[in-house]
C-alpha atoms as a PDB file:
ATOM      1  CA  MET A   1     138.393 219.140  71.683  1.00  0.00           C
ATOM      2  CA  LYS A   2     137.933 221.809  69.025  1.00  0.00           C
ATOM      3  CA  HIS A   3     141.682 222.112  68.543  1.00  0.00           C
ATOM      4  CA  SER A   4     141.999 218.343  68.244  1.00  0.00           C
ATOM      5  CA  LEU A   5     139.320 218.176  65.559  1.00  0.00           C
ATOM      6  CA  THR A   6     140.971 221.017  63.679  1.00  0.00           C
ATOM      7  CA  PHE A   7     144.325 219.222  63.836  1.00  0.00           C
ATOM      8  CA  LEU A   8     142.863 215.943  62.597  1.00  0.00           C
ATOM      9  CA  LEU A   9     141.069 217.721  59.767  1.00  0.00           C
ATOM     10  CA  SER A  10     144.296 219.401  58.688  1.00  0.00           C
ATOM     11  CA  LEU A  11     146.089 216.035  58.626  1.00  0.00           C
ATOM     12  CA  LEU A  12     143.316 214.538  56.535  1.00  0.00           C
ATOM     13  CA  LEU A  13     143.457 217.436  54.073  1.00  0.00           C
ATOM     14  CA  CYS A  14     147.235 217.068  53.855  1.00  0.00           C
ATOM     15  CA  ALA A  15     146.999 213.337  53.150  1.00  0.00           C
ATOM     16  CA  THR A  16     144.269 213.925  50.561  1.00  0.00           C
ATOM     17  CA  SER A  17     146.394 216.582  48.875  1.00  0.00           C
ATOM     18  CA  VAL A  18     149.449 214.288  48.687  1.00  0.00           C
ATOM     19  CA  PHE A  19     147.343 211.453  47.341  1.00  0.00           C
ATOM     20  CA  ALA A  20     145.818 213.727  44.716  1.00  0.00           C
ATOM     21  CA  GLN A  21     149.264 214.810  43.576  1.00  0.00           C
ATOM     22  CA  ASP A  22     150.523 211.265  43.193  1.00  0.00           C
ATOM     23  CA  THR A  23     150.689 210.897  39.425  1.00  0.00           C
ATOM     24  CA  THR A  24     152.941 207.826  39.314  1.00  0.00           C
ATOM     25  CA  ARG A  25     152.680 206.041  35.982  1.00  0.00           C
ATOM     26  CA  PHE A  26     152.546 202.269  36.438  1.00  0.00           C
ATOM     27  CA  THR A  27     153.505 199.843  33.665  1.00  0.00           C
ATOM     28  CA  ASP A  28     152.866 196.114  33.497  1.00  0.00           C
ATOM     29  CA  ALA A  29     156.299 194.498  33.935  1.00  0.00           C
ATOM     30  CA  ARG A  30     155.450 191.739  31.459  1.00  0.00           C
ATOM     31  CA  GLY A  31     156.240 194.230  28.702  1.00  0.00           C
ATOM     32  CA  LEU A  32     159.792 194.774  29.954  1.00  0.00           C
ATOM     33  CA  MET A  33     162.791 192.396  29.777  1.00  0.00           C
ATOM     34  CA  VAL A  34     162.130 189.280  31.866  1.00  0.00           C
ATOM     35  CA  ILE A  35     164.933 186.818  32.606  1.00  0.00           C
ATOM     36  CA  GLY A  36     165.220 183.602  34.597  1.00  0.00           C
ATOM     37  CA  LYS A  37     162.480 181.567  32.894  1.00  0.00           C
ATOM     38  CA  GLY A  38     163.564 178.294  31.331  1.00  0.00           C
ATOM     39  CA  LEU A  39     160.557 178.132  29.023  1.00  0.00           C
ATOM     40  CA  PRO A  40     157.597 180.390  28.163  1.00  0.00           C
ATOM     41  CA  THR A  41     154.787 179.938  30.684  1.00  0.00           C
ATOM     42  CA  ASN A  42     151.132 180.631  31.241  1.00  0.00           C
ATOM     43  CA  PRO A  43     150.480 182.130  33.811  1.00  0.00           C
ATOM     44  CA  PHE A  44     153.359 184.454  33.049  1.00  0.00           C
ATOM     45  CA  TRP A  45     155.075 184.765  36.443  1.00  0.00           C
ATOM     46  CA  VAL A  46     155.636 181.045  37.102  1.00  0.00           C
ATOM     47  CA  ARG A  47     158.637 178.846  36.329  1.00  0.00           C
ATOM     48  CA  LEU A  48     156.721 175.989  34.722  1.00  0.00           C
ATOM     49  CA  ASP A  49     153.160 175.913  33.437  1.00  0.00           C
ATOM     50  CA  SER A  50     150.644 173.081  33.502  1.00  0.00           C
ATOM     51  CA  THR A  51     151.549 171.718  30.061  1.00  0.00           C
ATOM     52  CA  GLN A  52     155.200 171.433  31.051  1.00  0.00           C
ATOM     53  CA  TYR A  53     154.751 169.785  34.435  1.00  0.00           C
ATOM     54  CA  ARG A  54     151.716 167.588  33.867  1.00  0.00           C
ATOM     55  CA  HIS A  55     153.706 164.415  34.702  1.00  0.00           C
ATOM     56  CA  LEU A  56     155.407 165.820  37.809  1.00  0.00           C
ATOM     57  CA  ARG A  57     154.382 165.182  41.412  1.00  0.00           C
ATOM     58  CA  PRO A  58     151.948 167.679  43.031  1.00  0.00           C
ATOM     59  CA  PRO A  59     154.577 169.235  45.352  1.00  0.00           C
ATOM     60  CA  VAL A  60     156.826 170.003  42.394  1.00  0.00           C
ATOM     61  CA  LYS A  61     153.896 171.510  40.509  1.00  0.00           C
ATOM     62  CA  ALA A  62     153.116 173.794  43.430  1.00  0.00           C
ATOM     63  CA  LEU A  63     156.730 174.890  43.881  1.00  0.00           C
ATOM     64  CA  ALA A  64     157.113 175.509  40.150  1.00  0.00           C
ATOM     65  CA  ARG A  65     154.626 178.350  40.546  1.00  0.00           C
ATOM     66  CA  HIS A  66     157.036 180.226  42.823  1.00  0.00           C
ATOM     67  CA  SER A  67     158.938 182.955  40.968  1.00  0.00           C
ATOM     68  CA  ALA A  68     162.413 182.087  42.308  1.00  0.00           C
ATOM     69  CA  GLY A  69     165.188 183.358  40.053  1.00  0.00           C
ATOM     70  CA  ILE A  70     162.947 185.423  37.793  1.00  0.00           C
ATOM     71  CA  ALA A  71     163.901 189.083  37.413  1.00  0.00           C
ATOM     72  CA  VAL A  72     162.836 192.116  35.383  1.00  0.00           C
ATOM     73  CA  LEU A  73     165.332 194.404  33.652  1.00  0.00           C
ATOM     74  CA  PHE A  74     164.384 197.967  32.687  1.00  0.00           C
ATOM     75  CA  GLU A  75     165.774 201.441  32.075  1.00  0.00           C
ATOM     76  CA  THR A  76     164.346 204.697  33.384  1.00  0.00           C
ATOM     77  CA  ASN A  77     165.371 208.278  34.089  1.00  0.00           C
ATOM     78  CA  SER A  78     162.728 208.660  36.774  1.00  0.00           C
ATOM     79  CA  THR A  79     163.685 210.356  40.033  1.00  0.00           C
ATOM     80  CA  TYR A  80     161.776 207.664  41.896  1.00  0.00           C
ATOM     81  CA  ILE A  81     160.653 204.059  41.440  1.00  0.00           C
ATOM     82  CA  ARG A  82     157.608 202.415  42.948  1.00  0.00           C
ATOM     83  CA  VAL A  83     156.553 198.811  42.667  1.00  0.00           C
ATOM     84  CA  ARG A  84     153.077 197.327  42.911  1.00  0.00           C
ATOM     85  CA  TRP A  85     152.700 193.562  43.116  1.00  0.00           C
ATOM     86  CA  SER A  86     150.126 190.927  44.014  1.00  0.00           C
ATOM     87  CA  LEU A  87     150.746 187.483  45.456  1.00  0.00           C
ATOM     88  CA  ALA A  88     148.681 184.318  45.359  1.00  0.00           C
ATOM     89  CA  GLN A  89     148.676 184.049  49.158  1.00  0.00           C
ATOM     90  CA  ARG A  90     150.235 185.258  52.382  1.00  0.00           C
ATOM     91  CA  LYS A  91     153.031 183.037  53.651  1.00  0.00           C
ATOM     92  CA  PHE A  92     154.955 182.325  56.812  1.00  0.00           C
ATOM     93  CA  TYR A  93     158.286 180.527  57.049  1.00  0.00           C
ATOM     94  CA  ASN A  94     160.099 180.149  60.346  1.00  0.00           C
ATOM     95  CA  ASN A  95     163.547 180.277  58.725  1.00  0.00           C
ATOM     96  CA  MET A  96     163.078 182.967  56.079  1.00  0.00           C
ATOM     97  CA  THR A  97     162.412 186.703  55.961  1.00  0.00           C
ATOM     98  CA  PRO A  98     159.156 188.038  54.467  1.00  0.00           C
ATOM     99  CA  ILE A  99     161.283 190.160  52.122  1.00  0.00           C
ATOM    100  CA  ALA A 100     162.847 186.977  50.744  1.00  0.00           C
ATOM    101  CA  HIS A 101     159.779 184.810  50.322  1.00  0.00           C
ATOM    102  CA  SER A 102     157.268 187.485  49.280  1.00  0.00           C
ATOM    103  CA  GLY A 103     159.122 190.753  48.654  1.00  0.00           C
ATOM    104  CA  LEU A 104     161.254 192.095  45.817  1.00  0.00           C
ATOM    105  CA  ASP A 105     164.863 193.168  45.536  1.00  0.00           C
ATOM    106  CA  LEU A 106     166.098 196.081  43.352  1.00  0.00           C
ATOM    107  CA  TYR A 107     169.579 196.512  41.878  1.00  0.00           C
ATOM    108  CA  ALA A 108     170.955 199.235  39.577  1.00  0.00           C
ATOM    109  CA  MET A 109     173.800 199.196  37.069  1.00  0.00           C
ATOM    110  CA  ARG A 110     176.355 201.683  38.387  1.00  0.00           C
ATOM    111  CA  ASN A 111     179.929 202.106  37.133  1.00  0.00           C
ATOM    112  CA  GLY A 112     179.606 198.901  35.148  1.00  0.00           C
ATOM    113  CA  GLN A 113     178.486 196.774  38.090  1.00  0.00           C
ATOM    114  CA  TRP A 114     175.198 195.748  39.655  1.00  0.00           C
ATOM    115  CA  GLN A 115     174.694 197.593  42.936  1.00  0.00           C
ATOM    116  CA  PHE A 116     171.979 196.952  45.528  1.00  0.00           C
ATOM    117  CA  VAL A 117     169.372 199.740  45.798  1.00  0.00           C
ATOM    118  CA  ASN A 118     166.631 198.624  48.182  1.00  0.00           C
ATOM    119  CA  THR A 119     164.050 195.944  48.924  1.00  0.00           C
ATOM    120  CA  CYS A 120     160.280 196.059  48.474  1.00  0.00           C
ATOM    121  CA  ARG A 121     158.654 194.900  51.684  1.00  0.00           C
ATOM    122  CA  PRO A 122     155.385 192.935  51.537  1.00  0.00           C
ATOM    123  CA  GLY A 123     152.444 193.864  53.731  1.00  0.00           C
ATOM    124  CA  ASP A 124     151.643 192.026  56.941  1.00  0.00           C
ATOM    125  CA  LYS A 125     148.254 190.717  55.835  1.00  0.00           C
ATOM    126  CA  GLU A 126     147.489 191.979  52.315  1.00  0.00           C
ATOM    127  CA  VAL A 127     148.420 190.063  49.183  1.00  0.00           C
ATOM    128  CA  THR A 128     148.755 193.294  47.173  1.00  0.00           C
ATOM    129  CA  ALA A 129     151.320 195.933  48.080  1.00  0.00           C
ATOM    130  CA  THR A 130     152.708 199.185  46.665  1.00  0.00           C
ATOM    131  CA  TYR A 131     156.162 200.178  47.847  1.00  0.00           C
ATOM    132  CA  PRO A 132     158.241 203.352  47.260  1.00  0.00           C
ATOM    133  CA  VAL A 133     161.465 201.451  46.672  1.00  0.00           C
ATOM    134  CA  VAL A 134     163.666 204.517  45.978  1.00  0.00           C
ATOM    135  CA  SER A 135     163.116 208.306  45.842  1.00  0.00           C
ATOM    136  CA  ASN A 136     164.999 211.579  45.300  1.00  0.00           C
ATOM    137  CA  MET A 137     167.286 210.279  42.548  1.00  0.00           C
ATOM    138  CA  ASP A 138     169.159 212.559  40.147  1.00  0.00           C
ATOM    139  CA  GLY A 139     167.132 211.707  37.034  1.00  0.00           C
ATOM    140  CA  ALA A 140     169.999 210.015  35.170  1.00  0.00           C
ATOM    141  CA  ASN A 141     168.985 207.192  32.845  1.00  0.00           C
ATOM    142  CA  ARG A 142     169.926 203.899  34.487  1.00  0.00           C
ATOM    143  CA  GLN A 143     169.389 200.197  34.059  1.00  0.00           C
ATOM    144  CA  TYR A 144     167.706 198.333  36.915  1.00  0.00           C
ATOM    145  CA  MET A 145     167.089 194.689  37.785  1.00  0.00           C
ATOM    146  CA  LEU A 146     164.208 193.675  40.041  1.00  0.00           C
ATOM    147  CA  TYR A 147     164.285 190.178  41.566  1.00  0.00           C
ATOM    148  CA  LEU A 148     160.928 188.518  42.281  1.00  0.00           C
ATOM    149  CA  PRO A 149     159.801 186.562  45.382  1.00  0.00           C
ATOM    150  CA  ILE A 150     161.619 183.269  45.857  1.00  0.00           C
ATOM    151  CA  TYR A 151     158.983 181.342  47.830  1.00  0.00           C
ATOM    152  CA  ASN A 152     155.638 182.706  46.678  1.00  0.00           C
ATOM    153  CA  GLU A 153     153.571 182.893  43.513  1.00  0.00           C
ATOM    154  CA  LEU A 154     153.465 186.303  41.860  1.00  0.00           C
ATOM    155  CA  VAL A 155     150.135 187.174  40.252  1.00  0.00           C
ATOM    156  CA  SER A 156     150.885 190.649  38.880  1.00  0.00           C
ATOM    157  CA  LEU A 157     153.725 193.165  38.846  1.00  0.00           C
ATOM    158  CA  GLU A 158     153.872 196.830  37.841  1.00  0.00           C
ATOM    159  CA  ILE A 159     156.760 199.304  37.797  1.00  0.00           C
ATOM    160  CA  GLY A 160     155.902 202.894  38.728  1.00  0.00           C
ATOM    161  CA  VAL A 161     157.840 205.982  37.577  1.00  0.00           C
ATOM    162  CA  SER A 162     157.221 209.725  37.398  1.00  0.00           C
ATOM    163  CA  PRO A 163     154.786 210.764  34.641  1.00  0.00           C
ATOM    164  CA  GLN A 164     157.400 212.537  32.502  1.00  0.00           C
ATOM    165  CA  ALA A 165     160.033 209.782  32.806  1.00  0.00           C
ATOM    166  CA  THR A 166     160.921 207.144  30.246  1.00  0.00           C
ATOM    167  CA  LEU A 167     160.554 203.439  31.052  1.00  0.00           C
ATOM    168  CA  THR A 168     161.929 200.968  28.509  1.00  0.00           C
ATOM    169  CA  THR A 169     163.670 197.644  28.115  1.00  0.00           C
ATOM    170  CA  PRO A 170     167.481 198.054  28.403  1.00  0.00           C
ATOM    171  CA  SER A 171     169.308 199.128  25.249  1.00  0.00           C
ATOM    172  CA  LYS A 172     172.375 197.144  26.381  1.00  0.00           C
ATOM    173  CA  PRO A 173     171.139 194.560  28.895  1.00  0.00           C
ATOM    174  CA  GLY A 174     173.424 193.815  31.827  1.00  0.00           C
ATOM    175  CA  ILE A 175     172.450 190.140  31.547  1.00  0.00           C
ATOM    176  CA  ASP A 176     173.444 188.171  28.438  1.00  0.00           C
ATOM    177  CA  THR A 177     170.693 185.661  27.732  1.00  0.00           C
ATOM    178  CA  THR A 178     172.862 183.832  25.188  1.00  0.00           C
ATOM    179  CA  LYS A 179     174.935 182.575  28.133  1.00  0.00           C
ATOM    180  CA  ARG A 180     172.506 180.592  30.210  1.00  0.00           C
ATOM    181  CA  VAL A 181     173.089 178.302  33.191  1.00  0.00           C
ATOM    182  CA  VAL A 182     170.158 176.006  34.024  1.00  0.00           C
ATOM    183  CA  ILE A 183     170.324 174.735  37.621  1.00  0.00           C
ATOM    184  CA  TYR A 184     168.159 171.976  39.079  1.00  0.00           C
ATOM    185  CA  GLY A 185     168.092 171.392  42.810  1.00  0.00           C
ATOM    186  CA  SER A 186     166.669 171.721  46.289  1.00  0.00           C
ATOM    187  CA  SER A 187     165.401 174.333  48.735  1.00  0.00           C
ATOM    188  CA  ILE A 188     168.899 175.770  49.033  1.00  0.00           C
ATOM    189  CA  LEU A 189     168.988 176.457  45.313  1.00  0.00           C
ATOM    190  CA  GLN A 190     165.473 177.908  45.427  1.00  0.00           C
ATOM    191  CA  GLY A 191     166.705 180.406  48.012  1.00  0.00           C
ATOM    192  CA  ALA A 192     166.316 179.094  51.540  1.00  0.00           C
ATOM    193  CA  SER A 193     167.352 180.988  53.533  1.00  0.00           C
ATOM    194  CA  ALA A 194     168.760 184.106  51.900  1.00  0.00           C
ATOM    195  CA  SER A 195     167.729 187.381  53.521  1.00  0.00           C
ATOM    196  CA  ARG A 196     166.515 188.661  50.143  1.00  0.00           C
ATOM    197  CA  ALA A 197     166.182 187.341  46.603  1.00  0.00           C
ATOM    198  CA  GLY A 198     169.380 188.933  45.311  1.00  0.00           C
ATOM    199  CA  MET A 199     171.464 186.961  47.801  1.00  0.00           C
ATOM    200  CA  THR A 200     170.769 183.456  46.491  1.00  0.00           C
ATOM    201  CA  TYR A 201     173.890 181.934  44.981  1.00  0.00           C
ATOM    202  CA  PRO A 202     172.569 181.878  41.361  1.00  0.00           C
ATOM    203  CA  SER A 203     171.712 185.591  41.633  1.00  0.00           C
ATOM    204  CA  ILE A 204     175.174 186.412  42.982  1.00  0.00           C
ATOM    205  CA  ILE A 205     176.823 184.489  40.128  1.00  0.00           C
ATOM    206  CA  SER A 206     174.560 186.176  37.571  1.00  0.00           C
ATOM    207  CA  ARG A 207     175.475 189.689  38.716  1.00  0.00           C
ATOM    208  CA  ARG A 208     179.195 188.905  38.729  1.00  0.00           C
ATOM    209  CA  THR A 209     179.223 187.346  35.260  1.00  0.00           C
ATOM    210  CA  GLY A 210     176.288 188.819  33.374  1.00  0.00           C
ATOM    211  CA  TRP A 211     174.963 185.315  32.647  1.00  0.00           C
ATOM    212  CA  GLU A 212     171.307 184.363  32.809  1.00  0.00           C
ATOM    213  CA  MET A 213     170.577 181.813  35.539  1.00  0.00           C
ATOM    214  CA  ILE A 214     167.519 179.538  35.465  1.00  0.00           C
ATOM    215  CA  ASN A 215     166.641 178.587  39.046  1.00  0.00           C
ATOM    216  CA  LEU A 216     164.813 175.259  39.133  1.00  0.00           C
ATOM    217  CA  GLY A 217     165.117 174.660  42.850  1.00  0.00           C
ATOM    218  CA  PHE A 218     162.150 172.772  44.282  1.00  0.00           C
ATOM    219  CA  SER A 219     162.183 172.846  48.066  1.00  0.00           C
ATOM    220  CA  GLY A 220     162.534 169.318  49.435  1.00  0.00           C
ATOM    221  CA  ASN A 221     161.570 167.897  46.043  1.00  0.00           C
ATOM    222  CA  GLY A 222     164.644 167.946  43.822  1.00  0.00           C
ATOM    223  CA  ARG A 223     164.625 164.157  43.809  1.00  0.00           C
ATOM    224  CA  MET A 224     165.845 163.391  40.292  1.00  0.00           C
ATOM    225  CA  GLU A 225     162.593 162.092  38.850  1.00  0.00           C
ATOM    226  CA  PHE A 226     163.148 161.022  35.246  1.00  0.00           C
ATOM    227  CA  GLU A 227     160.374 163.356  34.070  1.00  0.00           C
ATOM    228  CA  VAL A 228     162.483 166.312  35.241  1.00  0.00           C
ATOM    229  CA  ALA A 229     165.415 165.140  33.117  1.00  0.00           C
ATOM    230  CA  GLU A 230     163.088 165.037  30.119  1.00  0.00           C
ATOM    231  CA  LEU A 231     162.003 168.598  30.865  1.00  0.00           C
ATOM    232  CA  LEU A 232     165.542 169.904  31.363  1.00  0.00           C
ATOM    233  CA  ALA A 233     166.585 168.449  28.021  1.00  0.00           C
ATOM    234  CA  THR A 234     164.131 170.768  26.234  1.00  0.00           C
ATOM    235  CA  MET A 235     165.630 173.976  27.696  1.00  0.00           C
ATOM    236  CA  LYS A 236     168.162 176.233  26.044  1.00  0.00           C
ATOM    237  CA  ALA A 237     171.349 175.994  28.116  1.00  0.00           C
ATOM    238  CA  SER A 238     175.060 176.761  27.922  1.00  0.00           C
ATOM    239  CA  VAL A 239     175.686 174.739  31.098  1.00  0.00           C
ATOM    240  CA  PHE A 240     173.527 172.431  33.212  1.00  0.00           C
ATOM    241  CA  VAL A 241     174.116 172.270  36.965  1.00  0.00           C
ATOM    242  CA  LEU A 242     172.681 169.416  39.047  1.00  0.00           C
ATOM    243  CA  ASP A 243     172.693 170.660  42.654  1.00  0.00           C
ATOM    244  CA  CYS A 244     169.957 168.317  43.820  1.00  0.00           C
ATOM    245  CA  ILE A 245     171.799 165.819  46.029  1.00  0.00           C
ATOM    246  CA  PRO A 246     170.464 167.297  49.329  1.00  0.00           C
ATOM    247  CA  ASN A 247     166.950 165.991  48.579  1.00  0.00           C
ATOM    248  CA  PRO A 248     166.958 162.365  47.357  1.00  0.00           C
ATOM    249  CA  THR A 249     167.475 159.541  49.812  1.00  0.00           C
ATOM    250  CA  PRO A 250     170.429 157.187  49.317  1.00  0.00           C
ATOM    251  CA  LYS A 251     167.981 154.674  47.848  1.00  0.00           C
ATOM    252  CA  GLU A 252     166.644 157.269  45.385  1.00  0.00           C
ATOM    253  CA  ILE A 253     170.170 158.221  44.344  1.00  0.00           C
ATOM    254  CA  THR A 254     170.975 154.566  43.719  1.00  0.00           C
ATOM    255  CA  GLU A 255     167.846 154.082  41.590  1.00  0.00           C
ATOM    256  CA  ARG A 256     167.518 157.441  39.841  1.00  0.00           C
ATOM    257  CA  ALA A 257     170.829 159.254  39.461  1.00  0.00           C
ATOM    258  CA  TYR A 258     172.390 157.141  36.705  1.00  0.00           C
ATOM    259  CA  PRO A 259     169.389 157.094  34.304  1.00  0.00           C
ATOM    260  CA  PHE A 260     168.635 160.768  35.035  1.00  0.00           C
ATOM    261  CA  ILE A 261     172.147 162.032  34.278  1.00  0.00           C
ATOM    262  CA  LYS A 262     172.758 159.643  31.374  1.00  0.00           C
ATOM    263  CA  TYR A 263     169.531 160.755  29.674  1.00  0.00           C
ATOM    264  CA  LEU A 264     170.542 164.409  29.906  1.00  0.00           C
ATOM    265  CA  LEU A 265     174.052 163.630  28.661  1.00  0.00           C
ATOM    266  CA  ASP A 266     172.712 161.696  25.668  1.00  0.00           C
ATOM    267  CA  LYS A 267     170.021 164.211  24.753  1.00  0.00           C
ATOM    268  CA  ARG A 268     172.251 167.278  25.094  1.00  0.00           C
ATOM    269  CA  PRO A 269     175.820 166.145  24.321  1.00  0.00           C
ATOM    270  CA  GLU A 270     176.838 169.706  23.419  1.00  0.00           C
ATOM    271  CA  VAL A 271     176.114 171.059  26.921  1.00  0.00           C
ATOM    272  CA  PRO A 272     178.539 170.486  29.828  1.00  0.00           C
ATOM    273  CA  ILE A 273     176.988 169.274  33.084  1.00  0.00           C
ATOM    274  CA  LEU A 274     178.319 170.138  36.535  1.00  0.00           C
ATOM    275  CA  LEU A 275     177.298 167.637  39.206  1.00  0.00           C
ATOM    276  CA  VAL A 276     177.473 169.152  42.712  1.00  0.00           C
ATOM    277  CA  GLU A 277     177.652 167.185  45.956  1.00  0.00           C
ATOM    278  CA  THR A 278     175.475 168.152  48.887  1.00  0.00           C
ATOM    279  CA  SER A 279     177.134 170.499  51.344  1.00  0.00           C
ATOM    280  CA  ILE A 280     178.116 169.114  54.746  1.00  0.00           C
ATOM    281  CA  ARG A 281     175.170 169.990  56.983  1.00  0.00           C
ATOM    282  CA  GLU A 282     176.209 171.660  60.207  1.00  0.00           C
ATOM    283  CA  THR A 283     173.876 169.506  62.277  1.00  0.00           C
ATOM    284  CA  GLY A 284     175.649 166.449  60.862  1.00  0.00           C
ATOM    285  CA  TYR A 285     178.772 167.235  62.835  1.00  0.00           C
ATOM    286  CA  PHE A 286     176.836 166.360  66.010  1.00  0.00           C
ATOM    287  CA  ASP A 287     173.871 164.244  64.877  1.00  0.00           C
ATOM    288  CA  GLN A 288     175.659 161.089  63.759  1.00  0.00           C
ATOM    289  CA  ARG A 289     172.703 159.777  61.765  1.00  0.00           C
ATOM    290  CA  ILE A 290     172.514 162.960  59.666  1.00  0.00           C
ATOM    291  CA  GLY A 291     176.276 162.973  59.196  1.00  0.00           C
ATOM    292  CA  ALA A 292     176.288 159.361  58.035  1.00  0.00           C
ATOM    293  CA  VAL A 293     173.481 159.950  55.508  1.00  0.00           C
ATOM    294  CA  ILE A 294     175.267 162.970  53.982  1.00  0.00           C
ATOM    295  CA  THR A 295     178.492 160.969  53.659  1.00  0.00           C
ATOM    296  CA  GLU A 296     176.642 158.065  52.050  1.00  0.00           C
ATOM    297  CA  LYS A 297     174.794 160.289  49.551  1.00  0.00           C
ATOM    298  CA  ASN A 298     177.982 161.996  48.413  1.00  0.00           C
ATOM    299  CA  LYS A 299     179.724 158.640  47.999  1.00  0.00           C
ATOM    300  CA  LEU A 300     176.838 157.265  45.960  1.00  0.00           C
ATOM    301  CA  ILE A 301     176.695 160.228  43.590  1.00  0.00           C
ATOM    302  CA  ARG A 302     180.465 160.169  43.128  1.00  0.00           C
ATOM    303  CA  ASP A 303     180.195 156.490  42.189  1.00  0.00           C
ATOM    304  CA  VAL A 304     177.611 157.394  39.526  1.00  0.00           C
ATOM    305  CA  TYR A 305     179.898 160.140  38.222  1.00  0.00           C
ATOM    306  CA  THR A 306     182.852 157.746  38.056  1.00  0.00           C
ATOM    307  CA  LYS A 307     180.804 155.163  36.178  1.00  0.00           C
ATOM    308  CA  LEU A 308     179.617 157.695  33.586  1.00  0.00           C
ATOM    309  CA  LYS A 309     183.119 159.072  33.091  1.00  0.00           C
ATOM    310  CA  LYS A 310     184.387 155.546  32.433  1.00  0.00           C
ATOM    311  CA  GLU A 311     181.679 155.259  29.784  1.00  0.00           C
ATOM    312  CA  GLY A 312     183.257 158.219  27.990  1.00  0.00           C
ATOM    313  CA  TYR A 313     181.065 161.208  28.877  1.00  0.00           C
ATOM    314  CA  LYS A 314     183.653 163.972  28.755  1.00  0.00           C
ATOM    315  CA  GLN A 315     181.099 166.776  29.228  1.00  0.00           C
ATOM    316  CA  LEU A 316     180.299 165.603  32.787  1.00  0.00           C
ATOM    317  CA  HIS A 317     182.108 167.432  35.593  1.00  0.00           C
ATOM    318  CA  TYR A 318     182.069 167.157  39.386  1.00  0.00           C
ATOM    319  CA  LEU A 319     182.261 169.560  42.328  1.00  0.00           C
ATOM    320  CA  SER A 320     182.845 168.398  45.900  1.00  0.00           C
ATOM    321  CA  GLY A 321     180.567 169.796  48.602  1.00  0.00           C
ATOM    322  CA  GLU A 322     183.393 170.077  51.105  1.00  0.00           C
ATOM    323  CA  ASP A 323     184.042 173.810  50.652  1.00  0.00           C
ATOM    324  CA  LEU A 324     180.574 175.093  49.697  1.00  0.00           C
ATOM    325  CA  LEU A 325     179.810 176.634  53.113  1.00  0.00           C
ATOM    326  CA  GLY A 326     183.350 177.426  54.248  1.00  0.00           C
ATOM    327  CA  HIS A 327     184.901 175.954  57.364  1.00  0.00           C
ATOM    328  CA  ASP A 328     183.993 178.289  60.226  1.00  0.00           C
ATOM    329  CA  HIS A 329     180.506 176.744  60.616  1.00  0.00           C
ATOM    330  CA  GLU A 330     178.739 180.126  60.209  1.00  0.00           C
ATOM    331  CA  GLY A 331     177.211 179.564  56.759  1.00  0.00           C
ATOM    332  CA  THR A 332     173.694 178.397  57.642  1.00  0.00           C
ATOM    333  CA  ILE A 333     170.610 179.807  59.309  1.00  0.00           C
ATOM    334  CA  ASP A 334     169.337 176.545  60.794  1.00  0.00           C
ATOM    335  CA  GLY A 335     172.134 174.007  60.389  1.00  0.00           C
ATOM    336  CA  THR A 336     170.925 173.061  56.904  1.00  0.00           C
ATOM    337  CA  HIS A 337     169.877 176.046  54.803  1.00  0.00           C
ATOM    338  CA  SER A 338     172.371 178.708  53.785  1.00  0.00           C
ATOM    339  CA  ASN A 339     172.384 182.236  55.118  1.00  0.00           C
ATOM    340  CA  ASP A 340     173.838 185.107  53.071  1.00  0.00           C
ATOM    341  CA  ILE A 341     177.373 184.135  54.101  1.00  0.00           C
ATOM    342  CA  GLY A 342     176.803 180.555  52.964  1.00  0.00           C
ATOM    343  CA  PHE A 343     175.339 181.622  49.632  1.00  0.00           C
ATOM    344  CA  LEU A 344     178.226 184.000  48.972  1.00  0.00           C
ATOM    345  CA  ARG A 345     180.719 181.235  49.693  1.00  0.00           C
ATOM    346  CA  GLN A 346     178.908 178.748  47.476  1.00  0.00           C
ATOM    347  CA  ALA A 347     178.861 181.269  44.630  1.00  0.00           C
ATOM    348  CA  GLU A 348     182.602 181.850  45.019  1.00  0.00           C
ATOM    349  CA  VAL A 349     183.349 178.115  45.017  1.00  0.00           C
ATOM    350  CA  MET A 350     181.155 177.371  41.995  1.00  0.00           C
ATOM    351  CA  LEU A 351     182.097 180.379  39.887  1.00  0.00           C
ATOM    352  CA  PRO A 352     185.586 179.225  38.765  1.00  0.00           C
ATOM    353  CA  GLU A 353     184.165 175.851  37.716  1.00  0.00           C
ATOM    354  CA  LEU A 354     181.322 177.460  35.771  1.00  0.00           C
ATOM    355  CA  LYS A 355     183.693 179.869  34.016  1.00  0.00           C
ATOM    356  CA  LYS A 356     185.700 176.901  32.728  1.00  0.00           C
ATOM    357  CA  LEU A 357     182.562 175.210  31.457  1.00  0.00           C
ATOM    358  CA  MET A 358     181.119 178.370  29.912  1.00  0.00           C
ATOM    359  CA  LYS A 359     184.218 178.684  27.727  1.00  0.00           C
END
């Protein structure tokens, strides 16, 4: 018993000593370079604030508070990086990892390319977590990019480095914010069901091109309400992408698609628009009702595209959904939402089209 108490006491002293020596310097990430926000917001870590979405439906308002697509760029010569973040609430999704919906995802610029470093894993029950994302580095000054949670609301975020290290905004950012793609869409765009935030298709495209991507995916609610078109028209954009066809019903496409797209074309004639069909849902190959609805929706949106092209809108472009997931039927996690393979394939299909439009 005596030996056990002595052992426990020694462990406690050890832990206390380590804790006392932890001199990590934490910095509020709001003071660093933040990308992926279409407009300034209050609160800071949301995609739209209350003044911007006051006319939108409640589900869209709630989803707009998720930090999907937002990332922080910084430079440091620290030998380690820690991250401390707080969330609005604990979440559970049966088709998504906790790292994706509530964690963070760190990349570093290495040899001129973005390279994955590690993820920051959220706690099981707590809404605040501190995570030692990487340690024992060589102390070289590097640029990093930290992706935020894709299906949760971030309340606060701090970057931790060693006390003697520098921590600044990048001198030569790896993301060019003058080249900006604004994408409006569904749960798939928002990130369901990537394993981590860096594996959504807008994030993959951003790392490969250096463009800033604005992720306006609203899970189940990218239904082409006219108020969203009005909001999109106020955003700085080099290209608009409408990847929202998975969500509206055929009736909603018939009623909403033409006025929605025409408004955006008229208000922003200098910006090309890429209209993307819905991907062919895997379950639709067996469930005939689902298959028929997908076919009908893609036909309806192509009819709208054809009508607008006949009216002379040269800046409108179209991408079929046929190849978005590949053809081996392994691109989804649940028959609908993309897994990492599906997102990679969608990025590779969309990228050539976006490069043409960016020129």
